Structures are given as structure tokens and as C-alpha cells.
Amino acid sequence: MGSFFKKRRRVWLILQEKQFGYVKLGLTLQFFLGAWLFYKKNRKFAARNKNLKNKQHKK
């Protein structure tokens, strides 16, 4: 009976570690996706500002 619980506990710990790995992976992916979207948005915004400045210069 004792060995059965020990085995189960080990399996549970391994599963927990795997789950933690997936959580870390998910967070990392989310972070990169967020950073990429932020970068893209900022680039578009910067381009728009640049165009506005150019239009003002021409006047």
C-alpha cells in the first residue's frame, strides 16, 4: 500500500512539473505575442505621425 502511494506521488510530481513547464511556455508565448503586437501597433502609429509631420512641412 505504501509503495503504491509513493509511486502515485512521484507520477503526480512529474505531472506537476510538466504542467509548470507548459504554463511557463504559455506565458512566454503570450509575452512574445503581446510584445510583437505592441511593436506592430507602434510602428503603424509612428508611420502615421511621420506622415502628418511631412504634410505639415509641405504647407
PDB file of N, CA and C in Angstrom:
ATOM      1  N   MET A   1       0.832  -1.199   0.000  1.00  0.00           N
ATOM      2  CA  MET A   1       0.000   0.000   0.000  1.00  0.00           C
ATOM      3  C   MET A   1       0.878   1.265   0.000  1.00  0.00           C
ATOM      4  N   GLY A   2       1.917   1.268   0.840  1.00  0.00           N
ATOM      5  CA  GLY A   2       2.805   2.430   0.933  1.00  0.00           C
ATOM      6  C   GLY A   2       3.521   2.712  -0.374  1.00  0.00           C
ATOM      7  N   SER A   3       4.012   1.642  -1.020  1.00  0.00           N
ATOM      8  CA  SER A   3       4.752   1.821  -2.274  1.00  0.00           C
ATOM      9  C   SER A   3       3.828   2.383  -3.359  1.00  0.00           C
ATOM     10  N   PHE A   4       2.560   1.976  -3.320  1.00  0.00           N
ATOM     11  CA  PHE A   4       1.580   2.459  -4.296  1.00  0.00           C
ATOM     12  C   PHE A   4       1.443   3.986  -4.190  1.00  0.00           C
ATOM     13  N   PHE A   5       1.360   4.463  -2.947  1.00  0.00           N
ATOM     14  CA  PHE A   5       1.228   5.904  -2.738  1.00  0.00           C
ATOM     15  C   PHE A   5       2.482   6.648  -3.163  1.00  0.00           C
ATOM     16  N   LYS A   6       3.637   6.045  -2.889  1.00  0.00           N
ATOM     17  CA  LYS A   6       4.905   6.670  -3.281  1.00  0.00           C
ATOM     18  C   LYS A   6       4.963   6.816  -4.797  1.00  0.00           C
ATOM     19  N   LYS A   7       4.564   5.749  -5.487  1.00  0.00           N
ATOM     20  CA  LYS A   7       4.576   5.788  -6.960  1.00  0.00           C
ATOM     21  C   LYS A   7       3.641   6.872  -7.465  1.00  0.00           C
ATOM     22  N   ARG A   8       2.447   6.903  -6.882  1.00  0.00           N
ATOM     23  CA  ARG A   8       1.463   7.892  -7.327  1.00  0.00           C
ATOM     24  C   ARG A   8       1.968   9.304  -7.093  1.00  0.00           C
ATOM     25  N   ARG A   9       2.643   9.476  -5.959  1.00  0.00           N
ATOM     26  CA  ARG A   9       3.141  10.804  -5.618  1.00  0.00           C
ATOM     27  C   ARG A   9       4.206  11.227  -6.620  1.00  0.00           C
ATOM     28  N   ARG A  10       5.058  10.268  -7.010  1.00  0.00           N
ATOM     29  CA  ARG A  10       6.114  10.586  -7.964  1.00  0.00           C
ATOM     30  C   ARG A  10       5.509  10.971  -9.314  1.00  0.00           C
ATOM     31  N   VAL A  11       4.532  10.202  -9.738  1.00  0.00           N
ATOM     32  CA  VAL A  11       3.861  10.499 -11.013  1.00  0.00           C
ATOM     33  C   VAL A  11       3.221  11.883 -10.940  1.00  0.00           C
ATOM     34  N   TRP A  12       2.586  12.166  -9.810  1.00  0.00           N
ATOM     35  CA  TRP A  12       1.915  13.445  -9.627  1.00  0.00           C
ATOM     36  C   TRP A  12       2.912  14.591  -9.690  1.00  0.00           C
ATOM     37  N   LEU A  13       4.077  14.402  -9.063  1.00  0.00           N
ATOM     38  CA  LEU A  13       5.118  15.435  -9.083  1.00  0.00           C
ATOM     39  C   LEU A  13       5.618  15.670 -10.501  1.00  0.00           C
ATOM     40  N   ILE A  14       5.807  14.574 -11.246  1.00  0.00           N
ATOM     41  CA  ILE A  14       6.270  14.690 -12.634  1.00  0.00           C
ATOM     42  C   ILE A  14       5.228  15.452 -13.456  1.00  0.00           C
ATOM     43  N   LEU A  15       3.955  15.096 -13.258  1.00  0.00           N
ATOM     44  CA  LEU A  15       2.881  15.772 -13.986  1.00  0.00           C
ATOM     45  C   LEU A  15       2.843  17.252 -13.630  1.00  0.00           C
ATOM     46  N   GLN A  16       3.035  17.528 -12.344  1.00  0.00           N
ATOM     47  CA  GLN A  16       3.025  18.916 -11.892  1.00  0.00           C
ATOM     48  C   GLN A  16       4.143  19.699 -12.569  1.00  0.00           C
ATOM     49  N   GLU A  17       5.317  19.090 -12.644  1.00  0.00           N
ATOM     50  CA  GLU A  17       6.457  19.751 -13.271  1.00  0.00           C
ATOM     51  C   GLU A  17       6.177  20.008 -14.745  1.00  0.00           C
ATOM     52  N   LYS A  18       5.570  19.014 -15.401  1.00  0.00           N
ATOM     53  CA  LYS A  18       5.239  19.170 -16.827  1.00  0.00           C
ATOM     54  C   LYS A  18       4.250  20.308 -17.000  1.00  0.00           C
ATOM     55  N   GLN A  19       3.252  20.337 -16.120  1.00  0.00           N
ATOM     56  CA  GLN A  19       2.230  21.375 -16.183  1.00  0.00           C
ATOM     57  C   GLN A  19       2.872  22.744 -16.014  1.00  0.00           C
ATOM     58  N   PHE A  20       3.811  22.833 -15.079  1.00  0.00           N
ATOM     59  CA  PHE A  20       4.507  24.089 -14.822  1.00  0.00           C
ATOM     60  C   PHE A  20       5.274  24.512 -16.072  1.00  0.00           C
ATOM     61  N   GLY A  21       5.869  23.537 -16.741  1.00  0.00           N
ATOM     62  CA  GLY A  21       6.603  23.804 -17.975  1.00  0.00           C
ATOM     63  C   GLY A  21       5.682  24.375 -19.041  1.00  0.00           C
ATOM     64  N   TYR A  22       4.481  23.787 -19.140  1.00  0.00           N
ATOM     65  CA  TYR A  22       3.523  24.264 -20.138  1.00  0.00           C
ATOM     66  C   TYR A  22       3.054  25.678 -19.800  1.00  0.00           C
ATOM     67  N   VAL A  23       2.865  25.928 -18.505  1.00  0.00           N
ATOM     68  CA  VAL A  23       2.424  27.260 -18.077  1.00  0.00           C
ATOM     69  C   VAL A  23       3.488  28.292 -18.437  1.00  0.00           C
ATOM     70  N   LYS A  24       4.751  27.938 -18.149  1.00  0.00           N
ATOM     71  CA  LYS A  24       5.858  28.845 -18.472  1.00  0.00           C
ATOM     72  C   LYS A  24       5.920  29.090 -19.972  1.00  0.00           C
ATOM     73  N   LEU A  25       5.744  28.030 -20.752  1.00  0.00           N
ATOM     74  CA  LEU A  25       5.782  28.141 -22.211  1.00  0.00           C
ATOM     75  C   LEU A  25       4.650  29.053 -22.686  1.00  0.00           C
ATOM     76  N   GLY A  26       3.464  28.843 -22.127  1.00  0.00           N
ATOM     77  CA  GLY A  26       2.309  29.649 -22.491  1.00  0.00           C
ATOM     78  C   GLY A  26       2.523  31.122 -22.193  1.00  0.00           C
ATOM     79  N   LEU A  27       3.072  31.391 -21.007  1.00  0.00           N
ATOM     80  CA  LEU A  27       3.323  32.780 -20.612  1.00  0.00           C
ATOM     81  C   LEU A  27       4.356  33.421 -21.523  1.00  0.00           C
ATOM     82  N   THR A  28       5.380  32.645 -21.866  1.00  0.00           N
ATOM     83  CA  THR A  28       6.437  33.156 -22.741  1.00  0.00           C
ATOM     84  C   THR A  28       5.851  33.501 -24.106  1.00  0.00           C
ATOM     85  N   LEU A  29       5.031  32.587 -24.640  1.00  0.00           N
ATOM     86  CA  LEU A  29       4.420  32.825 -25.952  1.00  0.00           C
ATOM     87  C   LEU A  29       3.518  34.050 -25.903  1.00  0.00           C
ATOM     88  N   GLN A  30       2.739  34.156 -24.814  1.00  0.00           N
ATOM     89  CA  GLN A  30       1.835  35.282 -24.649  1.00  0.00           C
ATOM     90  C   GLN A  30       2.620  36.588 -24.609  1.00  0.00           C
ATOM     91  N   PHE A  31       3.741  36.547 -23.895  1.00  0.00           N
ATOM     92  CA  PHE A  31       4.588  37.737 -23.762  1.00  0.00           C
ATOM     93  C   PHE A  31       5.122  38.162 -25.124  1.00  0.00           C
ATOM     94  N   PHE A  32       5.620  37.177 -25.891  1.00  0.00           N
ATOM     95  CA  PHE A  32       6.184  37.499 -27.202  1.00  0.00           C
ATOM     96  C   PHE A  32       5.110  38.018 -28.147  1.00  0.00           C
ATOM     97  N   LEU A  33       3.931  37.397 -28.085  1.00  0.00           N
ATOM     98  CA  LEU A  33       2.829  37.823 -28.940  1.00  0.00           C
ATOM     99  C   LEU A  33       2.431  39.259 -28.598  1.00  0.00           C
ATOM    100  N   GLY A  34       2.328  39.541 -27.302  1.00  0.00           N
ATOM    101  CA  GLY A  34       1.979  40.879 -26.843  1.00  0.00           C
ATOM    102  C   GLY A  34       3.009  41.905 -27.286  1.00  0.00           C
ATOM    103  N   ALA A  35       4.279  41.554 -27.121  1.00  0.00           N
ATOM    104  CA  ALA A  35       5.363  42.460 -27.496  1.00  0.00           C
ATOM    105  C   ALA A  35       5.336  42.719 -28.998  1.00  0.00           C
ATOM    106  N   TRP A  36       5.080  41.669 -29.776  1.00  0.00           N
ATOM    107  CA  TRP A  36       5.060  41.794 -31.236  1.00  0.00           C
ATOM    108  C   TRP A  36       3.906  42.684 -31.683  1.00  0.00           C
ATOM    109  N   LEU A  37       2.727  42.465 -31.089  1.00  0.00           N
ATOM    110  CA  LEU A  37       1.566  43.277 -31.443  1.00  0.00           C
ATOM    111  C   LEU A  37       1.797  44.733 -31.062  1.00  0.00           C
ATOM    112  N   PHE A  38       2.392  44.942 -29.888  1.00  0.00           N
ATOM    113  CA  PHE A  38       2.697  46.292 -29.407  1.00  0.00           C
ATOM    114  C   PHE A  38       3.653  46.985 -30.375  1.00  0.00           C
ATOM    115  N   TYR A  39       4.668  46.232 -30.805  1.00  0.00           N
ATOM    116  CA  TYR A  39       5.676  46.750 -31.737  1.00  0.00           C
ATOM    117  C   TYR A  39       5.028  47.127 -33.064  1.00  0.00           C
ATOM    118  N   LYS A  40       4.156  46.231 -33.559  1.00  0.00           N
ATOM    119  CA  LYS A  40       3.484  46.463 -34.837  1.00  0.00           C
ATOM    120  C   LYS A  40       2.604  47.708 -34.759  1.00  0.00           C
ATOM    121  N   LYS A  41       1.845  47.806 -33.676  1.00  0.00           N
ATOM    122  CA  LYS A  41       0.939  48.924 -33.476  1.00  0.00           C
ATOM    123  C   LYS A  41       1.729  50.230 -33.412  1.00  0.00           C
ATOM    124  N   ASN A  42       2.826  50.204 -32.668  1.00  0.00           N
ATOM    125  CA  ASN A  42       3.653  51.399 -32.517  1.00  0.00           C
ATOM    126  C   ASN A  42       4.268  51.814 -33.838  1.00  0.00           C
ATOM    127  N   ARG A  43       4.659  50.832 -34.640  1.00  0.00           N
ATOM    128  CA  ARG A  43       5.260  51.156 -35.940  1.00  0.00           C
ATOM    129  C   ARG A  43       4.242  51.852 -36.833  1.00  0.00           C
ATOM    130  N   LYS A  44       3.015  51.326 -36.808  1.00  0.00           N
ATOM    131  CA  LYS A  44       1.956  51.916 -37.623  1.00  0.00           C
ATOM    132  C   LYS A  44       1.685  53.340 -37.144  1.00  0.00           C
ATOM    133  N   PHE A  45       1.650  53.489 -35.844  1.00  0.00           N
ATOM    134  CA  PHE A  45       1.392  54.785 -35.223  1.00  0.00           C
ATOM    135  C   PHE A  45       2.508  55.772 -35.561  1.00  0.00           C
ATOM    136  N   ALA A  46       3.748  55.302 -35.470  1.00  0.00           N
ATOM    137  CA  ALA A  46       4.909  56.137 -35.772  1.00  0.00           C
ATOM    138  C   ALA A  46       4.869  56.571 -37.237  1.00  0.00           C
ATOM    139  N   ALA A  47       4.494  55.642 -38.114  1.00  0.00           N
ATOM    140  CA  ALA A  47       4.423  55.946 -39.544  1.00  0.00           C
ATOM    141  C   ALA A  47       3.362  57.020 -39.785  1.00  0.00           C
ATOM    142  N   ARG A  48       2.244  56.919 -39.087  1.00  0.00           N
ATOM    143  CA  ARG A  48       1.164  57.883 -39.245  1.00  0.00           C
ATOM    144  C   ARG A  48       1.627  59.266 -38.786  1.00  0.00           C
ATOM    145  N   ASN A  49       2.327  59.304 -37.662  1.00  0.00           N
ATOM    146  CA  ASN A  49       2.842  60.575 -37.140  1.00  0.00           C
ATOM    147  C   ASN A  49       3.839  61.193 -38.104  1.00  0.00           C
ATOM    148  N   LYS A  50       4.669  60.358 -38.688  1.00  0.00           N
ATOM    149  CA  LYS A  50       5.676  60.820 -39.643  1.00  0.00           C
ATOM    150  C   LYS A  50       4.974  61.459 -40.848  1.00  0.00           C
ATOM    151  N   ASN A  51       3.920  60.803 -41.329  1.00  0.00           N
ATOM    152  CA  ASN A  51       3.173  61.323 -42.470  1.00  0.00           C
ATOM    153  C   ASN A  51       2.542  62.669 -42.137  1.00  0.00           C
ATOM    154  N   LEU A  52       2.008  62.781 -40.919  1.00  0.00           N
ATOM    155  CA  LEU A  52       1.387  64.037 -40.503  1.00  0.00           C
ATOM    156  C   LEU A  52       2.423  65.152 -40.473  1.00  0.00           C
ATOM    157  N   LYS A  53       3.593  64.836 -39.946  1.00  0.00           N
ATOM    158  CA  LYS A  53       4.672  65.828 -39.871  1.00  0.00           C
ATOM    159  C   LYS A  53       5.084  66.263 -41.275  1.00  0.00           C
ATOM    160  N   ASN A  54       5.184  65.306 -42.192  1.00  0.00           N
ATOM    161  CA  ASN A  54       5.575  65.622 -43.569  1.00  0.00           C
ATOM    162  C   ASN A  54       4.538  66.526 -44.230  1.00  0.00           C
ATOM    163  N   LYS A  55       3.265  66.256 -43.971  1.00  0.00           N
ATOM    164  CA  LYS A  55       2.197  67.064 -44.556  1.00  0.00           C
ATOM    165  C   LYS A  55       2.260  68.491 -44.024  1.00  0.00           C
ATOM    166  N   GLN A  56       2.572  68.621 -42.725  1.00  0.00           N
ATOM    167  CA  GLN A  56       2.666  69.950 -42.118  1.00  0.00           C
ATOM    168  C   GLN A  56       3.826  70.738 -42.717  1.00  0.00           C
ATOM    169  N   HIS A  57       4.911  70.040 -43.022  1.00  0.00           N
ATOM    170  CA  HIS A  57       6.085  70.706 -43.592  1.00  0.00           C
ATOM    171  C   HIS A  57       5.776  71.263 -44.982  1.00  0.00           C
ATOM    172  N   LYS A  58       4.995  70.509 -45.742  1.00  0.00           N
ATOM    173  CA  LYS A  58       4.702  70.913 -47.116  1.00  0.00           C
ATOM    174  C   LYS A  58       3.842  72.169 -47.166  1.00  0.00           C
ATOM    175  N   LYS A  59       3.046  72.410 -46.136  1.00  0.00           N
ATOM    176  CA  LYS A  59       2.154  73.580 -46.129  1.00  0.00           C
ATOM    177  C   LYS A  59       2.897  74.846 -46.016  1.00  0.00           C
TER     178      LYS A  59
END
